[in-house]
């Protein structure tokens, strides 16, 4: 059985209890600081789901810095697809 990464909280667990706005912001912050190259995709999806649960624009604005940071980490750590070779003159 695979070991669960430190700081990982399943979405299933979150749906059982409604978190306060403060707890949600704290959890997004924790996700940001605990994410790794191996967990970034799940962490990013988790943070998005938490963000959707915030009710006011002011609350979502407070999470912006962490969400932007997670987005940048995701961009850095996600392997880029190589550009395909053009179907140029060799086919003749």
PDB file of N, CA and C in Angstrom:
ATOM      1  N   UNK A   1       0.850  -1.184   0.000  1.00  0.00           N
ATOM      2  CA  UNK A   1       0.000   0.000   0.000  1.00  0.00           C
ATOM      3  C   UNK A   1       0.889   1.237   0.000  1.00  0.00           C
ATOM      4  N   UNK A   2       0.590   2.210  -0.851  1.00  0.00           N
ATOM      5  CA  UNK A   2       1.396   3.414  -0.984  1.00  0.00           C
ATOM      6  C   UNK A   2       1.240   4.291   0.254  1.00  0.00           C
ATOM      7  N   UNK A   3       2.347   4.906   0.630  1.00  0.00           N
ATOM      8  CA  UNK A   3       2.329   5.797   1.784  1.00  0.00           C
ATOM      9  C   UNK A   3       1.702   7.128   1.392  1.00  0.00           C
ATOM     10  N   UNK A   4       0.815   7.639   2.204  1.00  0.00           N
ATOM     11  CA  UNK A   4       0.189   8.924   1.961  1.00  0.00           C
ATOM     12  C   UNK A   4       1.190  10.023   2.293  1.00  0.00           C
ATOM     13  N   UNK A   5       1.379  11.020   1.391  1.00  0.00           N
ATOM     14  CA  UNK A   5       2.338  12.092   1.641  1.00  0.00           C
ATOM     15  C   UNK A   5       1.941  12.922   2.859  1.00  0.00           C
ATOM     16  N   UNK A   6       2.938  13.501   3.530  1.00  0.00           N
ATOM     17  CA  UNK A   6       2.678  14.387   4.662  1.00  0.00           C
ATOM     18  C   UNK A   6       1.809  15.546   4.210  1.00  0.00           C
ATOM     19  N   UNK A   7       0.860  15.926   5.010  1.00  0.00           N
ATOM     20  CA  UNK A   7       0.001  17.058   4.708  1.00  0.00           C
ATOM     21  C   UNK A   7      -1.171  16.728   3.808  1.00  0.00           C
ATOM     22  N   UNK A   8      -1.273  15.481   3.333  1.00  0.00           N
ATOM     23  CA  UNK A   8      -2.359  15.112   2.423  1.00  0.00           C
ATOM     24  C   UNK A   8      -3.648  14.921   3.210  1.00  0.00           C
ATOM     25  N   UNK A   9      -4.698  15.540   2.710  1.00  0.00           N
ATOM     26  CA  UNK A   9      -6.021  15.382   3.299  1.00  0.00           C
ATOM     27  C   UNK A   9      -6.959  15.048   2.148  1.00  0.00           C
ATOM     28  N   UNK A  10      -7.618  13.941   2.232  1.00  0.00           N
ATOM     29  CA  UNK A  10      -8.464  13.509   1.123  1.00  0.00           C
ATOM     30  C   UNK A  10      -9.700  14.396   0.999  1.00  0.00           C
ATOM     31  N   UNK A  11     -10.163  14.529  -0.228  1.00  0.00           N
ATOM     32  CA  UNK A  11     -11.382  15.302  -0.465  1.00  0.00           C
ATOM     33  C   UNK A  11     -12.578  14.644   0.199  1.00  0.00           C
ATOM     34  N   UNK A  12     -12.567  13.329   0.245  1.00  0.00           N
ATOM     35  CA  UNK A  12     -13.661  12.589   0.878  1.00  0.00           C
ATOM     36  C   UNK A  12     -13.808  12.995   2.347  1.00  0.00           C
ATOM     37  N   UNK A  13     -12.666  13.147   3.028  1.00  0.00           N
ATOM     38  CA  UNK A  13     -12.688  13.539   4.436  1.00  0.00           C
ATOM     39  C   UNK A  13     -13.257  14.943   4.603  1.00  0.00           C
ATOM     40  N   UNK A  14     -12.966  15.819   3.661  1.00  0.00           N
ATOM     41  CA  UNK A  14     -13.447  17.195   3.755  1.00  0.00           C
ATOM     42  C   UNK A  14     -14.946  17.299   3.559  1.00  0.00           C
ATOM     43  N   UNK A  15     -15.496  16.453   2.743  1.00  0.00           N
ATOM     44  CA  UNK A  15     -16.922  16.525   2.447  1.00  0.00           C
ATOM     45  C   UNK A  15     -17.778  16.100   3.633  1.00  0.00           C
ATOM     46  N   UNK A  16     -17.183  15.420   4.587  1.00  0.00           N
ATOM     47  CA  UNK A  16     -17.935  14.987   5.759  1.00  0.00           C
ATOM     48  C   UNK A  16     -18.225  16.151   6.693  1.00  0.00           C
ATOM     49  N   UNK A  17     -17.279  17.066   6.830  1.00  0.00           N
ATOM     50  CA  UNK A  17     -17.438  18.210   7.714  1.00  0.00           C
ATOM     51  C   UNK A  17     -17.277  19.496   6.919  1.00  0.00           C
ATOM     52  N   UNK A  18     -18.094  20.478   7.230  1.00  0.00           N
ATOM     53  CA  UNK A  18     -17.960  21.769   6.581  1.00  0.00           C
ATOM     54  C   UNK A  18     -16.944  22.580   7.367  1.00  0.00           C
ATOM     55  N   UNK A  19     -15.936  23.076   6.648  1.00  0.00           N
ATOM     56  CA  UNK A  19     -14.891  23.862   7.286  1.00  0.00           C
ATOM     57  C   UNK A  19     -15.299  25.333   7.303  1.00  0.00           C
ATOM     58  N   UNK A  20     -14.823  26.042   8.316  1.00  0.00           N
ATOM     59  CA  UNK A  20     -15.037  27.488   8.343  1.00  0.00           C
ATOM     60  C   UNK A  20     -14.139  28.116   7.279  1.00  0.00           C
ATOM     61  N   UNK A  21     -14.421  29.349   6.935  1.00  0.00           N
ATOM     62  CA  UNK A  21     -13.606  30.046   5.942  1.00  0.00           C
ATOM     63  C   UNK A  21     -12.155  30.125   6.398  1.00  0.00           C
ATOM     64  N   UNK A  22     -11.962  30.380   7.655  1.00  0.00           N
ATOM     65  CA  UNK A  22     -10.599  30.483   8.206  1.00  0.00           C
ATOM     66  C   UNK A  22      -9.883  29.138   8.099  1.00  0.00           C
ATOM     67  N   UNK A  23     -10.570  28.062   8.436  1.00  0.00           N
ATOM     68  CA  UNK A  23      -9.972  26.725   8.339  1.00  0.00           C
ATOM     69  C   UNK A  23      -9.645  26.375   6.889  1.00  0.00           C
ATOM     70  N   UNK A  24     -10.526  26.778   5.978  1.00  0.00           N
ATOM     71  CA  UNK A  24     -10.293  26.511   4.564  1.00  0.00           C
ATOM     72  C   UNK A  24      -9.053  27.255   4.077  1.00  0.00           C
ATOM     73  N   UNK A  25      -8.932  28.529   4.442  1.00  0.00           N
ATOM     74  CA  UNK A  25      -7.748  29.305   4.058  1.00  0.00           C
ATOM     75  C   UNK A  25      -6.483  28.708   4.663  1.00  0.00           C
ATOM     76  N   UNK A  26      -6.567  28.280   5.914  1.00  0.00           N
ATOM     77  CA  UNK A  26      -5.410  27.645   6.564  1.00  0.00           C
ATOM     78  C   UNK A  26      -5.016  26.355   5.847  1.00  0.00           C
ATOM     79  N   UNK A  27      -6.000  25.607   5.409  1.00  0.00           N
ATOM     80  CA  UNK A  27      -5.729  24.349   4.718  1.00  0.00           C
ATOM     81  C   UNK A  27      -5.098  24.600   3.346  1.00  0.00           C
ATOM     82  N   UNK A  28      -5.573  25.609   2.623  1.00  0.00           N
ATOM     83  CA  UNK A  28      -4.963  25.962   1.337  1.00  0.00           C
ATOM     84  C   UNK A  28      -3.507  26.382   1.561  1.00  0.00           C
ATOM     85  N   UNK A  29      -3.270  27.136   2.605  1.00  0.00           N
ATOM     86  CA  UNK A  29      -1.904  27.558   2.947  1.00  0.00           C
ATOM     87  C   UNK A  29      -1.026  26.340   3.245  1.00  0.00           C
ATOM     88  N   UNK A  30      -1.552  25.413   4.016  1.00  0.00           N
ATOM     89  CA  UNK A  30      -0.809  24.203   4.365  1.00  0.00           C
ATOM     90  C   UNK A  30      -0.484  23.389   3.108  1.00  0.00           C
ATOM     91  N   UNK A  31      -1.461  23.273   2.217  1.00  0.00           N
ATOM     92  CA  UNK A  31      -1.237  22.551   0.965  1.00  0.00           C
ATOM     93  C   UNK A  31      -0.089  23.195   0.197  1.00  0.00           C
ATOM     94  N   UNK A  32      -0.097  24.516   0.124  1.00  0.00           N
ATOM     95  CA  UNK A  32       0.952  25.238  -0.603  1.00  0.00           C
ATOM     96  C   UNK A  32       2.345  24.909  -0.052  1.00  0.00           C
ATOM     97  N   UNK A  33       2.484  24.951   1.252  1.00  0.00           N
ATOM     98  CA  UNK A  33       3.801  24.732   1.850  1.00  0.00           C
ATOM     99  C   UNK A  33       4.237  23.268   1.865  1.00  0.00           C
ATOM    100  N   UNK A  34       3.288  22.342   1.801  1.00  0.00           N
ATOM    101  CA  UNK A  34       3.618  20.911   1.866  1.00  0.00           C
ATOM    102  C   UNK A  34       3.697  20.225   0.505  1.00  0.00           C
ATOM    103  N   UNK A  35       3.276  20.910  -0.563  1.00  0.00           N
ATOM    104  CA  UNK A  35       3.239  20.247  -1.865  1.00  0.00           C
ATOM    105  C   UNK A  35       4.639  19.881  -2.358  1.00  0.00           C
ATOM    106  N   UNK A  36       4.689  18.814  -3.119  1.00  0.00           N
ATOM    107  CA  UNK A  36       5.949  18.349  -3.699  1.00  0.00           C
ATOM    108  C   UNK A  36       5.724  18.089  -5.184  1.00  0.00           C
ATOM    109  N   UNK A  37       6.802  17.814  -5.873  1.00  0.00           N
ATOM    110  CA  UNK A  37       6.715  17.491  -7.300  1.00  0.00           C
ATOM    111  C   UNK A  37       5.779  16.299  -7.527  1.00  0.00           C
ATOM    112  N   UNK A  38       5.803  15.345  -6.610  1.00  0.00           N
ATOM    113  CA  UNK A  38       4.991  14.139  -6.755  1.00  0.00           C
ATOM    114  C   UNK A  38       3.517  14.379  -6.436  1.00  0.00           C
ATOM    115  N   UNK A  39       3.223  15.366  -5.619  1.00  0.00           N
ATOM    116  CA  UNK A  39       1.840  15.571  -5.178  1.00  0.00           C
ATOM    117  C   UNK A  39       1.165  16.798  -5.783  1.00  0.00           C
ATOM    118  N   UNK A  40       1.871  17.563  -6.610  1.00  0.00           N
ATOM    119  CA  UNK A  40       1.340  18.850  -7.069  1.00  0.00           C
ATOM    120  C   UNK A  40      -0.005  18.723  -7.787  1.00  0.00           C
ATOM    121  N   UNK A  41      -0.179  17.722  -8.629  1.00  0.00           N
ATOM    122  CA  UNK A  41      -1.449  17.607  -9.363  1.00  0.00           C
ATOM    123  C   UNK A  41      -2.630  17.407  -8.414  1.00  0.00           C
ATOM    124  N   UNK A  42      -2.480  16.488  -7.467  1.00  0.00           N
ATOM    125  CA  UNK A  42      -3.559  16.250  -6.491  1.00  0.00           C
ATOM    126  C   UNK A  42      -3.736  17.447  -5.568  1.00  0.00           C
ATOM    127  N   UNK A  43      -2.633  18.050  -5.146  1.00  0.00           N
ATOM    128  CA  UNK A  43      -2.715  19.204  -4.257  1.00  0.00           C
ATOM    129  C   UNK A  43      -3.407  20.379  -4.936  1.00  0.00           C
ATOM    130  N   UNK A  44      -3.087  20.594  -6.211  1.00  0.00           N
ATOM    131  CA  UNK A  44      -3.705  21.696  -6.954  1.00  0.00           C
ATOM    132  C   UNK A  44      -5.212  21.466  -7.081  1.00  0.00           C
ATOM    133  N   UNK A  45      -5.606  20.247  -7.433  1.00  0.00           N
ATOM    134  CA  UNK A  45      -7.030  19.915  -7.550  1.00  0.00           C
ATOM    135  C   UNK A  45      -7.735  20.070  -6.207  1.00  0.00           C
ATOM    136  N   UNK A  46      -7.084  19.658  -5.155  1.00  0.00           N
ATOM    137  CA  UNK A  46      -7.628  19.763  -3.800  1.00  0.00           C
ATOM    138  C   UNK A  46      -7.847  21.240  -3.440  1.00  0.00           C
ATOM    139  N   UNK A  47      -6.840  22.071  -3.719  1.00  0.00           N
ATOM    140  CA  UNK A  47      -6.943  23.496  -3.398  1.00  0.00           C
ATOM    141  C   UNK A  47      -8.065  24.160  -4.196  1.00  0.00           C
ATOM    142  N   UNK A  48      -8.235  23.764  -5.449  1.00  0.00           N
ATOM    143  CA  UNK A  48      -9.324  24.311  -6.277  1.00  0.00           C
ATOM    144  C   UNK A  48     -10.680  23.976  -5.649  1.00  0.00           C
ATOM    145  N   UNK A  49     -10.843  22.728  -5.224  1.00  0.00           N
ATOM    146  CA  UNK A  49     -12.110  22.328  -4.596  1.00  0.00           C
ATOM    147  C   UNK A  49     -12.354  23.119  -3.311  1.00  0.00           C
ATOM    148  N   UNK A  50     -11.309  23.341  -2.537  1.00  0.00           N
ATOM    149  CA  UNK A  50     -11.457  24.138  -1.320  1.00  0.00           C
ATOM    150  C   UNK A  50     -11.838  25.574  -1.666  1.00  0.00           C
ATOM    151  N   UNK A  51     -11.193  26.115  -2.685  1.00  0.00           N
ATOM    152  CA  UNK A  51     -11.463  27.488  -3.110  1.00  0.00           C
ATOM    153  C   UNK A  51     -12.925  27.655  -3.522  1.00  0.00           C
ATOM    154  N   UNK A  52     -13.469  26.663  -4.189  1.00  0.00           N
ATOM    155  CA  UNK A  52     -14.874  26.706  -4.611  1.00  0.00           C
ATOM    156  C   UNK A  52     -15.823  26.795  -3.421  1.00  0.00           C
ATOM    157  N   UNK A  53     -15.392  26.299  -2.282  1.00  0.00           N
ATOM    158  CA  UNK A  53     -16.236  26.306  -1.102  1.00  0.00           C
ATOM    159  C   UNK A  53     -16.255  27.630  -0.356  1.00  0.00           C
ATOM    160  N   UNK A  54     -15.341  28.534  -0.695  1.00  0.00           N
ATOM    161  CA  UNK A  54     -15.334  29.843  -0.044  1.00  0.00           C
ATOM    162  C   UNK A  54     -16.487  30.670  -0.585  1.00  0.00           C
ATOM    163  N   UNK A  55     -17.223  31.292   0.319  1.00  0.00           N
ATOM    164  CA  UNK A  55     -18.462  31.947  -0.075  1.00  0.00           C
ATOM    165  C   UNK A  55     -18.290  33.359  -0.609  1.00  0.00           C
ATOM    166  N   UNK A  56     -17.386  34.128  -0.051  1.00  0.00           N
ATOM    167  CA  UNK A  56     -17.296  35.532  -0.472  1.00  0.00           C
ATOM    168  C   UNK A  56     -16.059  35.784  -1.335  1.00  0.00           C
ATOM    169  N   UNK A  57     -16.154  36.828  -2.114  1.00  0.00           N
ATOM    170  CA  UNK A  57     -15.045  37.243  -2.969  1.00  0.00           C
ATOM    171  C   UNK A  57     -13.841  37.628  -2.107  1.00  0.00           C
ATOM    172  N   UNK A  58     -14.092  38.246  -0.964  1.00  0.00           N
ATOM    173  CA  UNK A  58     -13.017  38.645  -0.052  1.00  0.00           C
ATOM    174  C   UNK A  58     -12.233  37.422   0.440  1.00  0.00           C
ATOM    175  N   UNK A  59     -12.946  36.350   0.770  1.00  0.00           N
ATOM    176  CA  UNK A  59     -12.288  35.123   1.224  1.00  0.00           C
ATOM    177  C   UNK A  59     -11.449  34.507   0.105  1.00  0.00           C
ATOM    178  N   UNK A  60     -12.001  34.497  -1.092  1.00  0.00           N
ATOM    179  CA  UNK A  60     -11.255  33.940  -2.239  1.00  0.00           C
ATOM    180  C   UNK A  60     -10.025  34.785  -2.551  1.00  0.00           C
ATOM    181  N   UNK A  61     -10.150  36.087  -2.380  1.00  0.00           N
ATOM    182  CA  UNK A  61      -9.020  36.982  -2.631  1.00  0.00           C
ATOM    183  C   UNK A  61      -7.868  36.691  -1.665  1.00  0.00           C
ATOM    184  N   UNK A  62      -8.193  36.331  -0.438  1.00  0.00           N
ATOM    185  CA  UNK A  62      -7.154  36.002   0.549  1.00  0.00           C
ATOM    186  C   UNK A  62      -6.384  34.741   0.152  1.00  0.00           C
ATOM    187  N   UNK A  63      -7.012  33.859  -0.590  1.00  0.00           N
ATOM    188  CA  UNK A  63      -6.361  32.618  -1.017  1.00  0.00           C
ATOM    189  C   UNK A  63      -5.565  32.787  -2.310  1.00  0.00           C
ATOM    190  N   UNK A  64      -5.690  33.940  -2.954  1.00  0.00           N
ATOM    191  CA  UNK A  64      -5.082  34.159  -4.263  1.00  0.00           C
ATOM    192  C   UNK A  64      -3.581  33.915  -4.283  1.00  0.00           C
ATOM    193  N   UNK A  65      -2.845  34.410  -3.317  1.00  0.00           N
ATOM    194  CA  UNK A  65      -1.382  34.255  -3.314  1.00  0.00           C
ATOM    195  C   UNK A  65      -0.985  32.784  -3.285  1.00  0.00           C
ATOM    196  N   UNK A  66      -1.661  31.992  -2.473  1.00  0.00           N
ATOM    197  CA  UNK A  66      -1.340  30.567  -2.388  1.00  0.00           C
ATOM    198  C   UNK A  66      -1.739  29.836  -3.672  1.00  0.00           C
ATOM    199  N   UNK A  67      -2.879  30.207  -4.234  1.00  0.00           N
ATOM    200  CA  UNK A  67      -3.317  29.572  -5.468  1.00  0.00           C
ATOM    201  C   UNK A  67      -2.381  29.923  -6.620  1.00  0.00           C
ATOM    202  N   UNK A  68      -1.948  31.160  -6.674  1.00  0.00           N
ATOM    203  CA  UNK A  68      -0.998  31.567  -7.700  1.00  0.00           C
ATOM    204  C   UNK A  68       0.316  30.793  -7.532  1.00  0.00           C
ATOM    205  N   UNK A  69       0.752  30.666  -6.289  1.00  0.00           N
ATOM    206  CA  UNK A  69       1.979  29.914  -6.007  1.00  0.00           C
ATOM    207  C   UNK A  69       1.859  28.456  -6.425  1.00  0.00           C
ATOM    208  N   UNK A  70       0.741  27.838  -6.115  1.00  0.00           N
ATOM    209  CA  UNK A  70       0.525  26.444  -6.527  1.00  0.00           C
ATOM    210  C   UNK A  70       0.503  26.324  -8.048  1.00  0.00           C
ATOM    211  N   UNK A  71      -0.099  27.294  -8.698  1.00  0.00           N
ATOM    212  CA  UNK A  71      -0.146  27.283 -10.155  1.00  0.00           C
ATOM    213  C   UNK A  71       1.263  27.372 -10.749  1.00  0.00           C
ATOM    214  N   UNK A  72       2.093  28.226 -10.184  1.00  0.00           N
ATOM    215  CA  UNK A  72       3.470  28.369 -10.661  1.00  0.00           C
ATOM    216  C   UNK A  72       4.273  27.096 -10.426  1.00  0.00           C
ATOM    217  N   UNK A  73       4.105  26.488  -9.260  1.00  0.00           N
ATOM    218  CA  UNK A  73       4.800  25.233  -8.970  1.00  0.00           C
ATOM    219  C   UNK A  73       4.358  24.149  -9.950  1.00  0.00           C
ATOM    220  N   UNK A  74       3.074  24.099 -10.201  1.00  0.00           N
ATOM    221  CA  UNK A  74       2.529  23.103 -11.139  1.00  0.00           C
ATOM    222  C   UNK A  74       3.139  23.298 -12.525  1.00  0.00           C
ATOM    223  N   UNK A  75       3.249  24.561 -12.944  1.00  0.00           N
ATOM    224  CA  UNK A  75       3.835  24.864 -14.245  1.00  0.00           C
ATOM    225  C   UNK A  75       5.302  24.412 -14.304  1.00  0.00           C
ATOM    226  N   UNK A  76       6.048  24.682 -13.235  1.00  0.00           N
ATOM    227  CA  UNK A  76       7.467  24.316 -13.185  1.00  0.00           C
ATOM    228  C   UNK A  76       7.662  22.800 -13.143  1.00  0.00           C
ATOM    229  N   UNK A  77       6.816  22.111 -12.407  1.00  0.00           N
ATOM    230  CA  UNK A  77       7.032  20.687 -12.157  1.00  0.00           C
ATOM    231  C   UNK A  77       6.342  19.756 -13.142  1.00  0.00           C
ATOM    232  N   UNK A  78       5.436  20.275 -13.945  1.00  0.00           N
ATOM    233  CA  UNK A  78       4.757  19.416 -14.916  1.00  0.00           C
ATOM    234  C   UNK A  78       5.636  19.303 -16.157  1.00  0.00           C
ATOM    235  N   UNK A  79       5.940  18.078 -16.567  1.00  0.00           N
ATOM    236  CA  UNK A  79       6.786  17.915 -17.751  1.00  0.00           C
ATOM    237  C   UNK A  79       6.141  18.543 -18.981  1.00  0.00           C
ATOM    238  N   UNK A  80       6.964  19.231 -19.739  1.00  0.00           N
ATOM    239  CA  UNK A  80       6.459  19.851 -20.963  1.00  0.00           C
ATOM    240  C   UNK A  80       6.441  18.829 -22.079  1.00  0.00           C
ATOM    241  N   UNK A  81       5.437  18.915 -22.907  1.00  0.00           N
ATOM    242  CA  UNK A  81       5.363  18.040 -24.072  1.00  0.00           C
ATOM    243  C   UNK A  81       6.322  18.595 -25.123  1.00  0.00           C
ATOM    244  N   UNK A  82       7.037  17.701 -25.748  1.00  0.00           N
ATOM    245  CA  UNK A  82       7.955  18.124 -26.805  1.00  0.00           C
ATOM    246  C   UNK A  82       7.153  18.510 -28.040  1.00  0.00           C
ATOM    247  N   UNK A  83       7.661  19.503 -28.725  1.00  0.00           N
ATOM    248  CA  UNK A  83       7.021  19.904 -29.981  1.00  0.00           C
ATOM    249  C   UNK A  83       7.228  18.809 -31.004  1.00  0.00           C
ATOM    250  N   UNK A  84       6.195  18.467 -31.694  1.00  0.00           N
ATOM    251  CA  UNK A  84       6.324  17.403 -32.697  1.00  0.00           C
ATOM    252  C   UNK A  84       7.098  17.935 -33.885  1.00  0.00           C
ATOM    253  N   UNK A  85       7.834  17.033 -34.523  1.00  0.00           N
ATOM    254  CA  UNK A  85       8.603  17.425 -35.697  1.00  0.00           C
ATOM    255  C   UNK A  85       7.627  17.734 -36.820  1.00  0.00           C
ATOM    256  N   UNK A  86       7.978  18.734 -37.591  1.00  0.00           N
ATOM    257  CA  UNK A  86       7.090  19.109 -38.691  1.00  0.00           C
ATOM    258  C   UNK A  86       7.087  18.011 -39.755  1.00  0.00           C
ATOM    259  N   UNK A  87       5.994  17.893 -40.425  1.00  0.00           N
ATOM    260  CA  UNK A  87       5.842  16.893 -41.489  1.00  0.00           C
ATOM    261  C   UNK A  87       6.349  17.509 -42.782  1.00  0.00           C
ATOM    262  N   UNK A  88       7.581  17.895 -42.756  1.00  0.00           N
ATOM    263  CA  UNK A  88       8.181  18.670 -43.847  1.00  0.00           C
ATOM    264  C   UNK A  88       8.657  17.881 -45.037  1.00  0.00           C
ATOM    265  N   UNK A  89       9.728  18.293 -45.595  1.00  0.00           N
ATOM    266  CA  UNK A  89      10.216  17.839 -46.883  1.00  0.00           C
ATOM    267  C   UNK A  89      10.757  16.408 -46.905  1.00  0.00           C
ATOM    268  N   UNK A  90      10.955  15.766 -45.786  1.00  0.00           N
ATOM    269  CA  UNK A  90      11.508  14.399 -45.775  1.00  0.00           C
ATOM    270  C   UNK A  90      10.525  13.365 -46.326  1.00  0.00           C
ATOM    271  N   UNK A  91       9.271  13.651 -46.310  1.00  0.00           N
ATOM    272  CA  UNK A  91       8.254  12.677 -46.735  1.00  0.00           C
ATOM    273  C   UNK A  91       8.211  12.472 -48.249  1.00  0.00           C
ATOM    274  N   UNK A  92       8.888  13.296 -48.987  1.00  0.00           N
ATOM    275  CA  UNK A  92       8.831  13.200 -50.458  1.00  0.00           C
ATOM    276  C   UNK A  92       9.579  12.041 -50.999  1.00  0.00           C
TER     277      UNK A  92
END
